[in-house]
Amino acid sequence: MDIQEAKNAELQEIMSFYNMMCEELGKKDFLPEGNKGGFPSLDMVVSAIKNRELYIGKEDGIIMAAYIMNNDADPVYDTVKWQLNVPKEQASVLHALRVHPSFGGKGYASQLVVHSIEMAKKKGQKVIRLDCIEGNSVPHRMYHNHGFQYIDTVEICYEDIGMPRKFLLFERVL
């Protein structure tokens, strides 16, 4: 898999990829109401491309993985006792890390996590933080295997889900 910074010309393909992933995730037990769609939003993706925060994984020229990393977090992040107390500008937040189901089990998600760690270090970040919905245990284990520590479980109401859900918070000190 070739991981690269996303470009404006790839916007339509990126949105198609994320929309397909919303449909896939909607089939999982941890989202019993089904596909809520809309994450990440078009505005979030456009902004992430513009700010050089969106990375895509390609195989044979096709987008099959992606993630966004910036310093934007839900306000509940401010209520948690993290391992390291740093300004928001020094805390990267990992969003929307996805791998196409046809490519699952090949270690591509781990490659994206390793890439995100490298990128955060290059940008002088002190930590990477993320939230992962309760019940989605596969990524929980993967993040732990990459040095992320479980911090807390909090309730967050993301617009795309439409109702409060429990999310596990993780942090990796760089």
C-alpha atoms as a PDB file:
ATOM      1  CA  MET A   1       0.000   0.000   0.000  1.00  0.00           C
ATOM      2  CA  ASP A   2       1.253   3.433  -0.949  1.00  0.00           C
ATOM      3  CA  ILE A   3       0.279   6.084   1.642  1.00  0.00           C
ATOM      4  CA  GLN A   4       0.200   9.647   0.393  1.00  0.00           C
ATOM      5  CA  GLU A   5      -1.274  13.029   1.138  1.00  0.00           C
ATOM      6  CA  ALA A   6      -4.710  13.428  -0.452  1.00  0.00           C
ATOM      7  CA  LYS A   7      -5.150  15.878  -3.316  1.00  0.00           C
ATOM      8  CA  ASN A   8      -8.156  17.956  -4.418  1.00  0.00           C
ATOM      9  CA  ALA A   9      -8.441  15.940  -7.624  1.00  0.00           C
ATOM     10  CA  GLU A  10      -9.193  12.842  -5.506  1.00  0.00           C
ATOM     11  CA  LEU A  11     -12.112  14.399  -3.593  1.00  0.00           C
ATOM     12  CA  GLN A  12     -14.877  12.474  -5.376  1.00  0.00           C
ATOM     13  CA  GLU A  13     -13.081   9.134  -4.963  1.00  0.00           C
ATOM     14  CA  ILE A  14     -12.360   9.874  -1.288  1.00  0.00           C
ATOM     15  CA  MET A  15     -16.012  10.714  -0.597  1.00  0.00           C
ATOM     16  CA  SER A  16     -17.147   7.559  -2.412  1.00  0.00           C
ATOM     17  CA  PHE A  17     -14.721   5.554  -0.280  1.00  0.00           C
ATOM     18  CA  TYR A  18     -15.934   7.093   2.998  1.00  0.00           C
ATOM     19  CA  ASN A  19     -19.614   6.766   2.007  1.00  0.00           C
ATOM     20  CA  MET A  20     -19.090   3.076   1.249  1.00  0.00           C
ATOM     21  CA  MET A  21     -17.365   2.686   4.634  1.00  0.00           C
ATOM     22  CA  CYS A  22     -20.373   4.299   6.377  1.00  0.00           C
ATOM     23  CA  GLU A  23     -22.601   1.683   4.770  1.00  0.00           C
ATOM     24  CA  GLU A  24     -20.253  -1.118   5.897  1.00  0.00           C
ATOM     25  CA  LEU A  25     -19.958   0.192   9.455  1.00  0.00           C
ATOM     26  CA  GLY A  26     -23.737   0.561   9.600  1.00  0.00           C
ATOM     27  CA  LYS A  27     -23.979  -3.243   9.424  1.00  0.00           C
ATOM     28  CA  LYS A  28     -21.999  -3.683  12.658  1.00  0.00           C
ATOM     29  CA  ASP A  29     -23.573  -4.463  16.030  1.00  0.00           C
ATOM     30  CA  PHE A  30     -22.053  -1.379  17.661  1.00  0.00           C
ATOM     31  CA  LEU A  31     -24.249   0.768  15.389  1.00  0.00           C
ATOM     32  CA  PRO A  32     -27.588  -1.035  15.749  1.00  0.00           C
ATOM     33  CA  GLU A  33     -29.506   1.775  14.058  1.00  0.00           C
ATOM     34  CA  GLY A  34     -27.593   1.053  10.853  1.00  0.00           C
ATOM     35  CA  ASN A  35     -25.847   3.351   8.420  1.00  0.00           C
ATOM     36  CA  LYS A  36     -25.938   6.918   9.669  1.00  0.00           C
ATOM     37  CA  GLY A  37     -23.596   8.094   6.919  1.00  0.00           C
ATOM     38  CA  GLY A  38     -21.990  11.462   6.693  1.00  0.00           C
ATOM     39  CA  PHE A  39     -18.681  10.875   8.469  1.00  0.00           C
ATOM     40  CA  PRO A  40     -16.489  12.427   7.616  1.00  0.00           C
ATOM     41  CA  SER A  41     -18.577  15.192   6.098  1.00  0.00           C
ATOM     42  CA  LEU A  42     -17.736  16.757   2.753  1.00  0.00           C
ATOM     43  CA  ASP A  43     -16.706  19.941   4.588  1.00  0.00           C
ATOM     44  CA  MET A  44     -14.371  17.991   6.873  1.00  0.00           C
ATOM     45  CA  VAL A  45     -12.743  16.196   3.927  1.00  0.00           C
ATOM     46  CA  VAL A  46     -12.339  19.402   1.876  1.00  0.00           C
ATOM     47  CA  SER A  47     -10.809  21.154   4.884  1.00  0.00           C
ATOM     48  CA  ALA A  48      -8.516  18.195   5.624  1.00  0.00           C
ATOM     49  CA  ILE A  49      -7.240  18.140   2.038  1.00  0.00           C
ATOM     50  CA  LYS A  50      -6.707  21.920   2.053  1.00  0.00           C
ATOM     51  CA  ASN A  51      -4.837  21.760   5.380  1.00  0.00           C
ATOM     52  CA  ARG A  52      -2.802  18.690   4.357  1.00  0.00           C
ATOM     53  CA  GLU A  53      -4.387  16.525   7.088  1.00  0.00           C
ATOM     54  CA  LEU A  54      -5.889  13.700   5.021  1.00  0.00           C
ATOM     55  CA  TYR A  55      -3.842  10.689   3.962  1.00  0.00           C
ATOM     56  CA  ILE A  56      -4.933   7.937   1.626  1.00  0.00           C
ATOM     57  CA  GLY A  57      -3.676   4.426   1.051  1.00  0.00           C
ATOM     58  CA  LYS A  58      -3.689   3.254  -2.540  1.00  0.00           C
ATOM     59  CA  GLU A  59      -3.218  -0.127  -4.102  1.00  0.00           C
ATOM     60  CA  ASP A  60      -3.095  -0.398  -7.892  1.00  0.00           C
ATOM     61  CA  GLY A  61      -4.085   3.285  -8.058  1.00  0.00           C
ATOM     62  CA  ILE A  62      -7.318   2.782  -6.089  1.00  0.00           C
ATOM     63  CA  ILE A  63      -8.047   4.340  -2.685  1.00  0.00           C
ATOM     64  CA  MET A  64      -8.542   1.515  -0.229  1.00  0.00           C
ATOM     65  CA  ALA A  65      -7.652   3.203   3.063  1.00  0.00           C
ATOM     66  CA  ALA A  66      -7.633   6.690   4.587  1.00  0.00           C
ATOM     67  CA  TYR A  67      -7.338   8.735   7.743  1.00  0.00           C
ATOM     68  CA  ILE A  68      -7.510  12.350   8.878  1.00  0.00           C
ATOM     69  CA  MET A  69      -5.250  13.777  11.563  1.00  0.00           C
ATOM     70  CA  ASN A  70      -5.530  17.291  12.922  1.00  0.00           C
ATOM     71  CA  ASN A  71      -5.848  19.046  16.276  1.00  0.00           C
ATOM     72  CA  ASP A  72      -9.659  19.123  16.385  1.00  0.00           C
ATOM     73  CA  ALA A  73     -11.372  17.182  19.162  1.00  0.00           C
ATOM     74  CA  ASP A  74     -14.794  16.941  20.713  1.00  0.00           C
ATOM     75  CA  PRO A  75     -15.125  19.248  23.763  1.00  0.00           C
ATOM     76  CA  VAL A  76     -15.317  16.188  26.031  1.00  0.00           C
ATOM     77  CA  TYR A  77     -11.578  15.719  25.403  1.00  0.00           C
ATOM     78  CA  ASP A  78     -11.052  18.782  27.640  1.00  0.00           C
ATOM     79  CA  THR A  79     -12.685  16.989  30.595  1.00  0.00           C
ATOM     80  CA  VAL A  80     -10.387  13.958  30.577  1.00  0.00           C
ATOM     81  CA  LYS A  81      -7.157  13.381  32.481  1.00  0.00           C
ATOM     82  CA  TRP A  82      -4.683  12.484  29.751  1.00  0.00           C
ATOM     83  CA  GLN A  83      -1.232  10.975  30.301  1.00  0.00           C
ATOM     84  CA  LEU A  84       0.398  14.178  29.141  1.00  0.00           C
ATOM     85  CA  ASN A  85      -1.084  17.633  29.614  1.00  0.00           C
ATOM     86  CA  VAL A  86      -0.253  19.530  26.415  1.00  0.00           C
ATOM     87  CA  PRO A  87      -1.789  22.445  24.496  1.00  0.00           C
ATOM     88  CA  LYS A  88      -4.267  21.437  21.786  1.00  0.00           C
ATOM     89  CA  GLU A  89      -1.783  22.527  19.122  1.00  0.00           C
ATOM     90  CA  GLN A  90       0.568  19.744  20.279  1.00  0.00           C
ATOM     91  CA  ALA A  91      -2.070  16.995  20.471  1.00  0.00           C
ATOM     92  CA  SER A  92      -2.890  15.358  17.160  1.00  0.00           C
ATOM     93  CA  VAL A  93      -6.305  13.729  16.934  1.00  0.00           C
ATOM     94  CA  LEU A  94      -6.794  10.755  14.630  1.00  0.00           C
ATOM     95  CA  HIS A  95     -10.142  10.650  12.799  1.00  0.00           C
ATOM     96  CA  ALA A  96     -11.886   8.366  10.318  1.00  0.00           C
ATOM     97  CA  LEU A  97      -9.170   5.734   9.956  1.00  0.00           C
ATOM     98  CA  ARG A  98     -10.746   3.247   7.550  1.00  0.00           C
ATOM     99  CA  VAL A  99      -9.677   0.306   5.390  1.00  0.00           C
ATOM    100  CA  HIS A 100     -11.865  -1.117   2.638  1.00  0.00           C
ATOM    101  CA  PRO A 101     -13.266  -4.470   3.838  1.00  0.00           C
ATOM    102  CA  SER A 102     -11.837  -6.254   0.780  1.00  0.00           C
ATOM    103  CA  PHE A 103      -8.376  -5.367   2.094  1.00  0.00           C
ATOM    104  CA  GLY A 104      -9.049  -6.240   5.734  1.00  0.00           C
ATOM    105  CA  GLY A 105      -6.723  -8.546   7.627  1.00  0.00           C
ATOM    106  CA  LYS A 106      -3.636  -7.525   5.662  1.00  0.00           C
ATOM    107  CA  GLY A 107      -2.203  -5.106   8.207  1.00  0.00           C
ATOM    108  CA  TYR A 108      -3.168  -1.971   6.298  1.00  0.00           C
ATOM    109  CA  ALA A 109      -4.820  -0.323   9.315  1.00  0.00           C
ATOM    110  CA  SER A 110      -1.590  -0.886  11.251  1.00  0.00           C
ATOM    111  CA  GLN A 111       0.364   0.708   8.411  1.00  0.00           C
ATOM    112  CA  LEU A 112      -1.898   3.755   8.616  1.00  0.00           C
ATOM    113  CA  VAL A 113      -1.359   3.992  12.385  1.00  0.00           C
ATOM    114  CA  VAL A 114       2.420   3.748  11.974  1.00  0.00           C
ATOM    115  CA  HIS A 115       2.231   6.426   9.267  1.00  0.00           C
ATOM    116  CA  SER A 116       0.141   8.687  11.519  1.00  0.00           C
ATOM    117  CA  ILE A 117       2.716   8.332  14.301  1.00  0.00           C
ATOM    118  CA  GLU A 118       5.527   9.258  11.899  1.00  0.00           C
ATOM    119  CA  MET A 119       3.591  12.264  10.575  1.00  0.00           C
ATOM    120  CA  ALA A 120       2.734  13.519  14.071  1.00  0.00           C
ATOM    121  CA  LYS A 121       6.396  13.284  15.095  1.00  0.00           C
ATOM    122  CA  LYS A 122       7.469  15.191  11.945  1.00  0.00           C
ATOM    123  CA  LYS A 123       4.986  17.934  12.857  1.00  0.00           C
ATOM    124  CA  GLY A 124       6.424  18.217  16.382  1.00  0.00           C
ATOM    125  CA  GLN A 125       3.344  16.834  18.106  1.00  0.00           C
ATOM    126  CA  LYS A 126       3.649  15.487  21.656  1.00  0.00           C
ATOM    127  CA  VAL A 127       0.729  13.017  21.607  1.00  0.00           C
ATOM    128  CA  ILE A 128      -1.862  11.395  19.377  1.00  0.00           C
ATOM    129  CA  ARG A 129      -5.373  11.012  20.756  1.00  0.00           C
ATOM    130  CA  LEU A 130      -8.451   9.316  19.386  1.00  0.00           C
ATOM    131  CA  ASP A 131     -11.857   7.983  20.275  1.00  0.00           C
ATOM    132  CA  CYS A 132     -13.311   4.681  19.167  1.00  0.00           C
ATOM    133  CA  ILE A 133     -16.921   3.649  19.642  1.00  0.00           C
ATOM    134  CA  GLU A 134     -17.567   1.098  22.354  1.00  0.00           C
ATOM    135  CA  GLY A 135     -18.007  -2.403  20.956  1.00  0.00           C
ATOM    136  CA  ASN A 136     -15.642  -1.941  18.020  1.00  0.00           C
ATOM    137  CA  SER A 137     -12.990  -4.136  19.646  1.00  0.00           C
ATOM    138  CA  VAL A 138     -10.729  -4.858  16.646  1.00  0.00           C
ATOM    139  CA  PRO A 139      -9.315  -1.311  16.456  1.00  0.00           C
ATOM    140  CA  HIS A 140      -9.160  -1.125  20.264  1.00  0.00           C
ATOM    141  CA  ARG A 141      -6.645  -4.004  20.232  1.00  0.00           C
ATOM    142  CA  MET A 142      -4.747  -2.580  17.268  1.00  0.00           C
ATOM    143  CA  TYR A 143      -4.289   0.816  18.905  1.00  0.00           C
ATOM    144  CA  HIS A 144      -3.094  -0.856  22.103  1.00  0.00           C
ATOM    145  CA  ASN A 145      -0.579  -2.886  20.066  1.00  0.00           C
ATOM    146  CA  HIS A 146       0.808   0.385  18.684  1.00  0.00           C
ATOM    147  CA  GLY A 147       1.452   1.881  22.111  1.00  0.00           C
ATOM    148  CA  PHE A 148      -1.819   3.699  22.635  1.00  0.00           C
ATOM    149  CA  GLN A 149      -3.067   3.642  26.209  1.00  0.00           C
ATOM    150  CA  TYR A 150      -6.718   3.446  27.136  1.00  0.00           C
ATOM    151  CA  ILE A 151      -7.572   6.641  29.032  1.00  0.00           C
ATOM    152  CA  ASP A 152     -11.306   6.709  29.714  1.00  0.00           C
ATOM    153  CA  THR A 153     -14.780   5.953  28.368  1.00  0.00           C
ATOM    154  CA  VAL A 154     -16.932   8.996  27.672  1.00  0.00           C
ATOM    155  CA  GLU A 155     -20.276   9.762  26.104  1.00  0.00           C
ATOM    156  CA  ILE A 156     -20.160  11.717  22.854  1.00  0.00           C
ATOM    157  CA  CYS A 157     -23.016  12.682  20.561  1.00  0.00           C
ATOM    158  CA  TYR A 158     -21.557  12.907  17.084  1.00  0.00           C
ATOM    159  CA  GLU A 159     -23.881  14.440  14.516  1.00  0.00           C
ATOM    160  CA  ASP A 160     -23.518  11.546  12.074  1.00  0.00           C
ATOM    161  CA  ILE A 161     -24.593   8.987  14.694  1.00  0.00           C
ATOM    162  CA  GLY A 162     -27.382  11.221  15.958  1.00  0.00           C
ATOM    163  CA  MET A 163     -27.500  10.012  19.553  1.00  0.00           C
ATOM    164  CA  PRO A 164     -25.085   9.814  22.485  1.00  0.00           C
ATOM    165  CA  ARG A 165     -22.795   6.791  22.427  1.00  0.00           C
ATOM    166  CA  LYS A 166     -19.955   5.589  24.604  1.00  0.00           C
ATOM    167  CA  PHE A 167     -16.478   6.047  23.153  1.00  0.00           C
ATOM    168  CA  LEU A 168     -13.165   4.758  24.445  1.00  0.00           C
ATOM    169  CA  LEU A 169     -10.419   7.367  24.466  1.00  0.00           C
ATOM    170  CA  PHE A 170      -6.837   6.419  23.660  1.00  0.00           C
ATOM    171  CA  GLU A 171      -3.570   8.345  23.739  1.00  0.00           C
ATOM    172  CA  ARG A 172      -0.046   7.655  22.534  1.00  0.00           C
ATOM    173  CA  VAL A 173       2.768   9.776  23.867  1.00  0.00           C
ATOM    174  CA  LEU A 174       5.326  10.484  21.134  1.00  0.00           C
END
